[in-house]
Every structure is written in structure tokens, then in C-alpha cells.
């Protein structure tokens, strides 16, 4: 059985550094066995790979690639909280927000970029429920934003060191 880290290597991918938050929030948080990511944008090295509306400024295929990149950023945020990507046992939900032209109705196909990536990384544990939502605008004029909810081993509770 192949681990998520081994699948990442097979795909020729590496987890990027966790993106710095744009405002007052954290990239991901763990509650029991569940880890929730904040919405992640399609950035590489801190820069959006595209801007604008899918169906006007970007094609469906370009939007799907943006969803894939944003999903990889969400996986990185989750792995940082879990301590290791291999601690993630199951992807529960993927939410994809697509900044869309008014006539564009293929948000589910754009969201497939994110869904396929998590399936490729987590195998059978990557089967998930999903929302694909069209929106008017996203932060920094990003074309997509992706959130994940996963199940992982709970982190051991660390007692603060007394000073």
C-alpha cells in the first residue's frame, strides 16, 4: 500500500511552504481527528498563477489547474498541522469556490482539478464529498479558492513549559 508521501513523489510533486494568511486567521486547525484548512488560493512562491473570472478571463481547463494548485496548498496547510501528510487517513470534504463569469455554469468541472489531486495523493482515502460554488469575486481577484476537511491522527497534547 502506497502512502500519501510516496504518491506525491510518484506524481512529481512536493508540498509547498504553507501560504501566509492574508488577514487574521490561521492556515489550518485541528479539532480532535478533524483538520480544517482555511481557503487556499492558487499561489506558487507567494504569487497567484492567474487572476480573473473562469469563463471570461480563464478557460475551464485553466480554472481546473488553478483548483489543483490551490488544493495542493490546502494539503500543505493540513500536513503542517498534522505533522506529516502520512498522518492524514481520509479526505472528508473539498469545497471549491470559483470566481465565474455570469454565464459560466461548469463550476463542478473546475472543482475536479482539486478533487482529482486529492484522489491522486490519498488514494481510496481521498474519496470525499464536495461543494463547487460560483462566486462573483475572490480575494486578490483569484479565480478559485479551495478548502479541505480531513481526518488525521490527533496530535498529542503538549503541556506548556513552566517558567
Protein backbone atom coordinates (compact mmCIF):
# COMPACT_ATOMS: atom_id res chain seq x y z
CA UNK A 1 0.00 0.00 0.00
CA UNK A 2 1.39 3.36 -1.02
CA UNK A 3 1.45 6.29 1.42
CA UNK A 4 0.39 9.84 0.54
CA UNK A 5 4.04 10.99 0.67
CA UNK A 6 5.01 8.21 -1.76
CA UNK A 7 2.13 9.15 -4.09
CA UNK A 8 3.25 12.79 -4.01
CA UNK A 9 6.73 11.69 -5.10
CA UNK A 10 5.27 9.47 -7.85
CA UNK A 11 3.31 12.48 -9.11
CA UNK A 12 6.49 14.55 -9.14
CA UNK A 13 5.03 16.93 -6.57
CA UNK A 14 6.33 18.44 -3.35
CA UNK A 15 4.28 20.19 -0.73
CA UNK A 16 4.87 23.93 -0.99
CA UNK A 17 5.55 26.11 2.04
CA UNK A 18 2.31 26.98 3.81
CA UNK A 19 0.93 30.24 2.43
CA UNK A 20 0.94 33.14 4.86
CA UNK A 21 -2.59 34.23 5.81
CA UNK A 22 -3.89 37.40 4.12
CA UNK A 23 -5.72 38.53 7.28
CA UNK A 24 -6.44 37.49 10.88
CA UNK A 25 -6.74 33.67 10.66
CA UNK A 26 -4.59 30.54 10.63
CA UNK A 27 -4.00 28.31 7.58
CA UNK A 28 -5.43 25.20 9.28
CA UNK A 29 -6.63 23.99 12.66
CA UNK A 30 -7.14 20.55 14.18
CA UNK A 31 -10.15 19.66 16.35
CA UNK A 32 -9.94 16.06 17.54
CA UNK A 33 -9.36 13.91 14.47
CA UNK A 34 -10.51 16.60 12.02
CA UNK A 35 -8.29 19.21 10.39
CA UNK A 36 -9.93 22.15 8.62
CA UNK A 37 -7.98 24.25 6.16
CA UNK A 38 -8.68 27.89 5.54
CA UNK A 39 -9.45 28.79 1.95
CA UNK A 40 -6.28 28.47 -0.11
CA UNK A 41 -5.60 30.33 -3.35
CA UNK A 42 -3.71 29.11 -6.43
CA UNK A 43 -0.35 30.58 -5.49
CA UNK A 44 3.15 29.42 -6.28
CA UNK A 45 6.03 31.03 -4.38
CA UNK A 46 3.60 33.59 -2.94
CA UNK A 47 2.16 34.74 -6.29
CA UNK A 48 -1.19 33.93 -7.91
CA UNK A 49 -0.74 31.83 -11.04
CA UNK A 50 -3.77 33.55 -12.61
CA UNK A 51 -6.39 36.18 -11.87
CA UNK A 52 -9.87 36.88 -13.16
CA UNK A 53 -13.09 35.02 -13.83
CA UNK A 54 -13.36 31.50 -15.16
CA UNK A 55 -15.46 31.61 -18.32
CA UNK A 56 -14.28 35.13 -19.20
CA UNK A 57 -10.57 35.57 -18.41
CA UNK A 58 -9.69 31.88 -17.96
CA UNK A 59 -10.81 28.70 -19.66
CA UNK A 60 -12.38 25.82 -17.78
CA UNK A 61 -9.06 23.93 -18.08
CA UNK A 62 -7.09 26.87 -16.67
CA UNK A 63 -9.60 27.10 -13.82
CA UNK A 64 -9.18 23.37 -13.09
CA UNK A 65 -5.39 23.81 -12.97
CA UNK A 66 -5.86 26.70 -10.52
CA UNK A 67 -8.07 24.45 -8.38
CA UNK A 68 -5.35 21.80 -8.43
CA UNK A 69 -2.69 24.29 -7.27
CA UNK A 70 -4.98 25.69 -4.57
CA UNK A 71 -5.75 22.15 -3.37
CA UNK A 72 -2.03 21.37 -3.11
CA UNK A 73 -1.66 24.50 -0.96
CA UNK A 74 -4.55 23.29 1.25
CA UNK A 75 -2.88 19.86 1.58
CA UNK A 76 0.34 21.62 2.65
CA UNK A 77 -1.52 23.58 5.35
CA UNK A 78 -3.17 20.40 6.60
CA UNK A 79 0.07 18.41 6.57
CA UNK A 80 1.76 21.15 8.63
CA UNK A 81 -0.91 20.82 11.33
CA UNK A 82 -0.96 17.01 11.17
CA UNK A 83 2.83 16.92 11.48
CA UNK A 84 3.12 14.75 8.37
CA UNK A 85 0.99 14.17 5.27
CA UNK A 86 1.00 10.46 6.08
CA UNK A 87 -0.93 11.19 9.30
CA UNK A 88 -3.95 12.06 7.12
CA UNK A 89 -6.16 8.99 6.78
CA UNK A 90 -9.16 10.39 4.93
CA UNK A 91 -10.30 13.44 2.98
CA UNK A 92 -13.84 14.19 4.10
CA UNK A 93 -14.82 17.32 2.19
CA UNK A 94 -13.48 19.55 -0.55
CA UNK A 95 -15.07 22.98 -1.04
CA UNK A 96 -14.17 24.87 -4.21
CA UNK A 97 -15.20 28.46 -4.83
CA UNK A 98 -14.95 29.55 -8.46
CA UNK A 99 -14.95 33.23 -9.44
CA UNK A 100 -17.11 32.88 -12.53
CA UNK A 101 -18.38 34.88 -15.44
CA UNK A 102 -22.19 35.27 -15.15
CA UNK A 103 -22.92 32.75 -17.91
CA UNK A 104 -20.39 30.13 -16.68
CA UNK A 105 -22.05 27.06 -15.16
CA UNK A 106 -19.26 24.46 -15.17
CA UNK A 107 -18.02 25.00 -11.62
CA UNK A 108 -18.10 21.23 -10.92
CA UNK A 109 -15.66 20.60 -13.78
CA UNK A 110 -13.31 23.29 -12.43
CA UNK A 111 -13.56 21.70 -8.98
CA UNK A 112 -12.47 18.38 -10.50
CA UNK A 113 -8.93 19.79 -10.57
CA UNK A 114 -8.94 19.78 -6.76
CA UNK A 115 -10.84 16.51 -6.39
CA UNK A 116 -8.58 14.63 -8.76
CA UNK A 117 -5.46 15.89 -6.99
CA UNK A 118 -6.62 14.77 -3.53
CA UNK A 119 -7.66 11.44 -5.01
CA UNK A 120 -4.24 11.04 -6.61
CA UNK A 121 -2.48 11.88 -3.32
CA UNK A 122 -4.68 9.99 -0.84
CA UNK A 123 -5.89 7.06 -2.96
CA UNK A 124 -9.00 5.39 -1.53
CA UNK A 125 -8.76 7.78 1.45
CA UNK A 126 -9.19 10.66 -0.99
CA UNK A 127 -12.85 9.90 -1.77
CA UNK A 128 -14.83 12.86 -0.47
CA UNK A 129 -17.98 14.92 -0.57
CA UNK A 130 -17.69 18.25 -2.31
CA UNK A 131 -19.19 21.66 -2.92
CA UNK A 132 -18.46 23.62 -6.10
CA UNK A 133 -19.78 27.16 -5.81
CA UNK A 134 -19.72 30.02 -8.30
CA UNK A 135 -18.98 33.42 -6.76
CA UNK A 136 -18.64 36.98 -8.07
CA UNK A 137 -15.13 37.66 -6.78
CA UNK A 138 -12.45 36.13 -4.54
CA UNK A 139 -9.54 37.68 -2.61
CA UNK A 140 -6.86 39.28 -4.82
CA UNK A 141 -9.08 38.53 -7.87
CA UNK A 142 -8.12 34.84 -7.59
CA UNK A 143 -10.10 32.55 -9.91
CA UNK A 144 -10.54 29.78 -7.29
CA UNK A 145 -10.27 29.13 -3.57
CA UNK A 146 -10.15 25.63 -2.05
CA UNK A 147 -10.88 24.39 1.49
CA UNK A 148 -10.37 20.87 2.82
CA UNK A 149 -11.61 18.90 5.81
CA UNK A 150 -9.64 15.75 6.57
CA UNK A 151 -9.37 13.08 9.27
CA UNK A 152 -5.95 12.62 10.86
CA UNK A 153 -4.42 11.18 13.97
CA UNK A 154 -4.96 13.59 16.87
CA UNK A 155 -1.83 15.49 17.81
CA UNK A 156 -0.58 14.64 21.30
CA UNK A 157 -1.40 17.35 23.80
CA UNK A 158 1.73 19.23 24.76
CA UNK A 159 1.91 20.73 28.23
CA UNK A 160 3.29 24.28 28.33
CA UNK A 161 6.72 24.50 29.90
CA UNK A 162 6.65 26.23 33.28
CA UNK A 163 8.99 29.22 33.50
